[in-house]
């Protein structure tokens, strides 16, 4: 199993996206976890460009301004998403932080 965890410090520039795509392809990554995307939105099309084919799934948590942003992508033949959640979507995020 090949996993990539990468703090990209911004995924907005084409050169950075190409770098990530090349690593995923060359290393045959099966799970990719990207931190600090600094993106408020990402589309499936953009993820497909990073992953290199359509046999993947993904989850994303947007940045707040120019901070944060997390993107996870994985090979659907290896991993299966059973559920996902976002703290901003919960009714009581304080309760989650206290756990």
C-alpha atoms as a PDB file:
ATOM      1  CA  UNK A   1       0.000   0.000   0.000  1.00  0.00           C
ATOM      2  CA  UNK A   2       1.422   3.386  -1.010  1.00  0.00           C
ATOM      3  CA  UNK A   3       0.324   6.504   0.872  1.00  0.00           C
ATOM      4  CA  UNK A   4       1.321  10.096   0.204  1.00  0.00           C
ATOM      5  CA  UNK A   5       0.931  12.804   2.868  1.00  0.00           C
ATOM      6  CA  UNK A   6       1.979  16.182   1.517  1.00  0.00           C
ATOM      7  CA  UNK A   7       1.807  19.765   2.817  1.00  0.00           C
ATOM      8  CA  UNK A   8       1.621  21.519  -0.537  1.00  0.00           C
ATOM      9  CA  UNK A   9       1.432  25.080   0.837  1.00  0.00           C
ATOM     10  CA  UNK A  10      -1.087  25.940  -1.855  1.00  0.00           C
ATOM     11  CA  UNK A  11      -2.596  23.933  -4.701  1.00  0.00           C
ATOM     12  CA  UNK A  12      -3.777  26.872  -6.799  1.00  0.00           C
ATOM     13  CA  UNK A  13      -0.844  27.043  -9.202  1.00  0.00           C
ATOM     14  CA  UNK A  14      -0.643  24.738 -12.212  1.00  0.00           C
ATOM     15  CA  UNK A  15       3.003  23.808 -11.500  1.00  0.00           C
ATOM     16  CA  UNK A  16       2.108  22.576  -7.994  1.00  0.00           C
ATOM     17  CA  UNK A  17      -0.811  20.516  -9.313  1.00  0.00           C
ATOM     18  CA  UNK A  18       1.486  18.995 -11.959  1.00  0.00           C
ATOM     19  CA  UNK A  19       4.038  18.125  -9.260  1.00  0.00           C
ATOM     20  CA  UNK A  20       1.379  16.326  -7.180  1.00  0.00           C
ATOM     21  CA  UNK A  21       0.008  14.506 -10.242  1.00  0.00           C
ATOM     22  CA  UNK A  22       3.497  13.353 -11.243  1.00  0.00           C
ATOM     23  CA  UNK A  23       4.217  11.984  -7.756  1.00  0.00           C
ATOM     24  CA  UNK A  24       0.893  10.115  -7.660  1.00  0.00           C
ATOM     25  CA  UNK A  25       1.510   8.595 -11.080  1.00  0.00           C
ATOM     26  CA  UNK A  26       5.212   7.774 -10.686  1.00  0.00           C
ATOM     27  CA  UNK A  27       4.881   6.286  -7.187  1.00  0.00           C
ATOM     28  CA  UNK A  28       1.531   4.539  -7.908  1.00  0.00           C
ATOM     29  CA  UNK A  29      -0.053   6.161  -4.850  1.00  0.00           C
ATOM     30  CA  UNK A  30      -3.221   4.488  -3.526  1.00  0.00           C
ATOM     31  CA  UNK A  31      -4.100   7.069  -0.836  1.00  0.00           C
ATOM     32  CA  UNK A  32      -3.144  10.726  -1.122  1.00  0.00           C
ATOM     33  CA  UNK A  33      -3.620  13.168   1.795  1.00  0.00           C
ATOM     34  CA  UNK A  34      -2.889  16.788   0.931  1.00  0.00           C
ATOM     35  CA  UNK A  35      -2.733  19.501   3.579  1.00  0.00           C
ATOM     36  CA  UNK A  36      -2.746  23.305   3.166  1.00  0.00           C
ATOM     37  CA  UNK A  37      -4.451  23.328  -0.233  1.00  0.00           C
ATOM     38  CA  UNK A  38      -5.480  26.940   0.472  1.00  0.00           C
ATOM     39  CA  UNK A  39      -8.515  26.293  -1.739  1.00  0.00           C
ATOM     40  CA  UNK A  40     -12.056  27.241  -0.754  1.00  0.00           C
ATOM     41  CA  UNK A  41     -13.509  24.923  -3.384  1.00  0.00           C
ATOM     42  CA  UNK A  42     -12.372  21.953  -5.449  1.00  0.00           C
ATOM     43  CA  UNK A  43     -14.215  20.042  -8.144  1.00  0.00           C
ATOM     44  CA  UNK A  44     -14.214  16.391  -9.106  1.00  0.00           C
ATOM     45  CA  UNK A  45     -12.718  17.465 -12.443  1.00  0.00           C
ATOM     46  CA  UNK A  46      -9.741  19.078 -10.676  1.00  0.00           C
ATOM     47  CA  UNK A  47      -9.303  15.958  -8.517  1.00  0.00           C
ATOM     48  CA  UNK A  48      -9.380  13.755 -11.606  1.00  0.00           C
ATOM     49  CA  UNK A  49      -6.601  15.877 -13.079  1.00  0.00           C
ATOM     50  CA  UNK A  50      -4.522  15.311  -9.948  1.00  0.00           C
ATOM     51  CA  UNK A  51      -5.294  11.600  -9.651  1.00  0.00           C
ATOM     52  CA  UNK A  52      -4.792  10.864 -13.340  1.00  0.00           C
ATOM     53  CA  UNK A  53      -7.811   8.619 -13.980  1.00  0.00           C
ATOM     54  CA  UNK A  54     -11.455   8.204 -12.975  1.00  0.00           C
ATOM     55  CA  UNK A  55     -11.031   5.231 -10.602  1.00  0.00           C
ATOM     56  CA  UNK A  56     -10.893   7.272  -7.394  1.00  0.00           C
ATOM     57  CA  UNK A  57     -12.980   8.869  -4.690  1.00  0.00           C
ATOM     58  CA  UNK A  58     -12.224  11.964  -2.668  1.00  0.00           C
ATOM     59  CA  UNK A  59     -13.120  14.112   0.324  1.00  0.00           C
ATOM     60  CA  UNK A  60     -12.329  17.797   0.851  1.00  0.00           C
ATOM     61  CA  UNK A  61     -12.409  20.333   3.655  1.00  0.00           C
ATOM     62  CA  UNK A  62     -12.139  23.890   2.400  1.00  0.00           C
ATOM     63  CA  UNK A  63      -9.640  26.474   3.569  1.00  0.00           C
ATOM     64  CA  UNK A  64     -10.647  29.475   5.638  1.00  0.00           C
ATOM     65  CA  UNK A  65      -9.225  32.426   3.763  1.00  0.00           C
ATOM     66  CA  UNK A  66      -5.621  31.583   2.941  1.00  0.00           C
ATOM     67  CA  UNK A  67      -5.244  29.012   5.715  1.00  0.00           C
ATOM     68  CA  UNK A  68      -5.912  25.289   5.704  1.00  0.00           C
ATOM     69  CA  UNK A  69      -7.679  23.090   3.252  1.00  0.00           C
ATOM     70  CA  UNK A  70      -7.435  19.299   3.216  1.00  0.00           C
ATOM     71  CA  UNK A  71      -7.886  16.982   0.249  1.00  0.00           C
ATOM     72  CA  UNK A  72      -7.883  13.193   0.427  1.00  0.00           C
ATOM     73  CA  UNK A  73      -8.070  11.013  -2.689  1.00  0.00           C
ATOM     74  CA  UNK A  74      -7.881   7.236  -2.920  1.00  0.00           C
ATOM     75  CA  UNK A  75      -8.030   4.326  -5.323  1.00  0.00           C
ATOM     76  CA  UNK A  76     -11.535   2.852  -5.170  1.00  0.00           C
ATOM     77  CA  UNK A  77     -10.150  -0.640  -5.796  1.00  0.00           C
ATOM     78  CA  UNK A  78      -8.195  -0.381  -2.526  1.00  0.00           C
ATOM     79  CA  UNK A  79     -10.321   1.829  -0.220  1.00  0.00           C
ATOM     80  CA  UNK A  80     -14.051   2.376   0.285  1.00  0.00           C
ATOM     81  CA  UNK A  81     -15.589   5.455   1.921  1.00  0.00           C
ATOM     82  CA  UNK A  82     -18.324   4.481   4.345  1.00  0.00           C
ATOM     83  CA  UNK A  83     -19.031   8.033   5.557  1.00  0.00           C
ATOM     84  CA  UNK A  84     -17.518  11.493   5.912  1.00  0.00           C
ATOM     85  CA  UNK A  85     -18.260  14.634   7.902  1.00  0.00           C
ATOM     86  CA  UNK A  86     -17.143  18.209   8.215  1.00  0.00           C
ATOM     87  CA  UNK A  87     -16.972  19.981  11.590  1.00  0.00           C
ATOM     88  CA  UNK A  88     -18.423  23.153  10.046  1.00  0.00           C
ATOM     89  CA  UNK A  89     -21.542  21.202   9.061  1.00  0.00           C
ATOM     90  CA  UNK A  90     -22.307  19.914  12.563  1.00  0.00           C
ATOM     91  CA  UNK A  91     -24.818  21.550  14.855  1.00  0.00           C
ATOM     92  CA  UNK A  92     -22.486  21.640  17.845  1.00  0.00           C
ATOM     93  CA  UNK A  93     -18.811  21.722  16.792  1.00  0.00           C
ATOM     94  CA  UNK A  94     -17.747  22.611  20.382  1.00  0.00           C
ATOM     95  CA  UNK A  95     -18.988  19.205  21.549  1.00  0.00           C
ATOM     96  CA  UNK A  96     -16.814  17.484  18.933  1.00  0.00           C
ATOM     97  CA  UNK A  97     -13.733  19.415  20.021  1.00  0.00           C
ATOM     98  CA  UNK A  98     -14.343  18.414  23.651  1.00  0.00           C
ATOM     99  CA  UNK A  99     -14.295  14.673  22.894  1.00  0.00           C
END
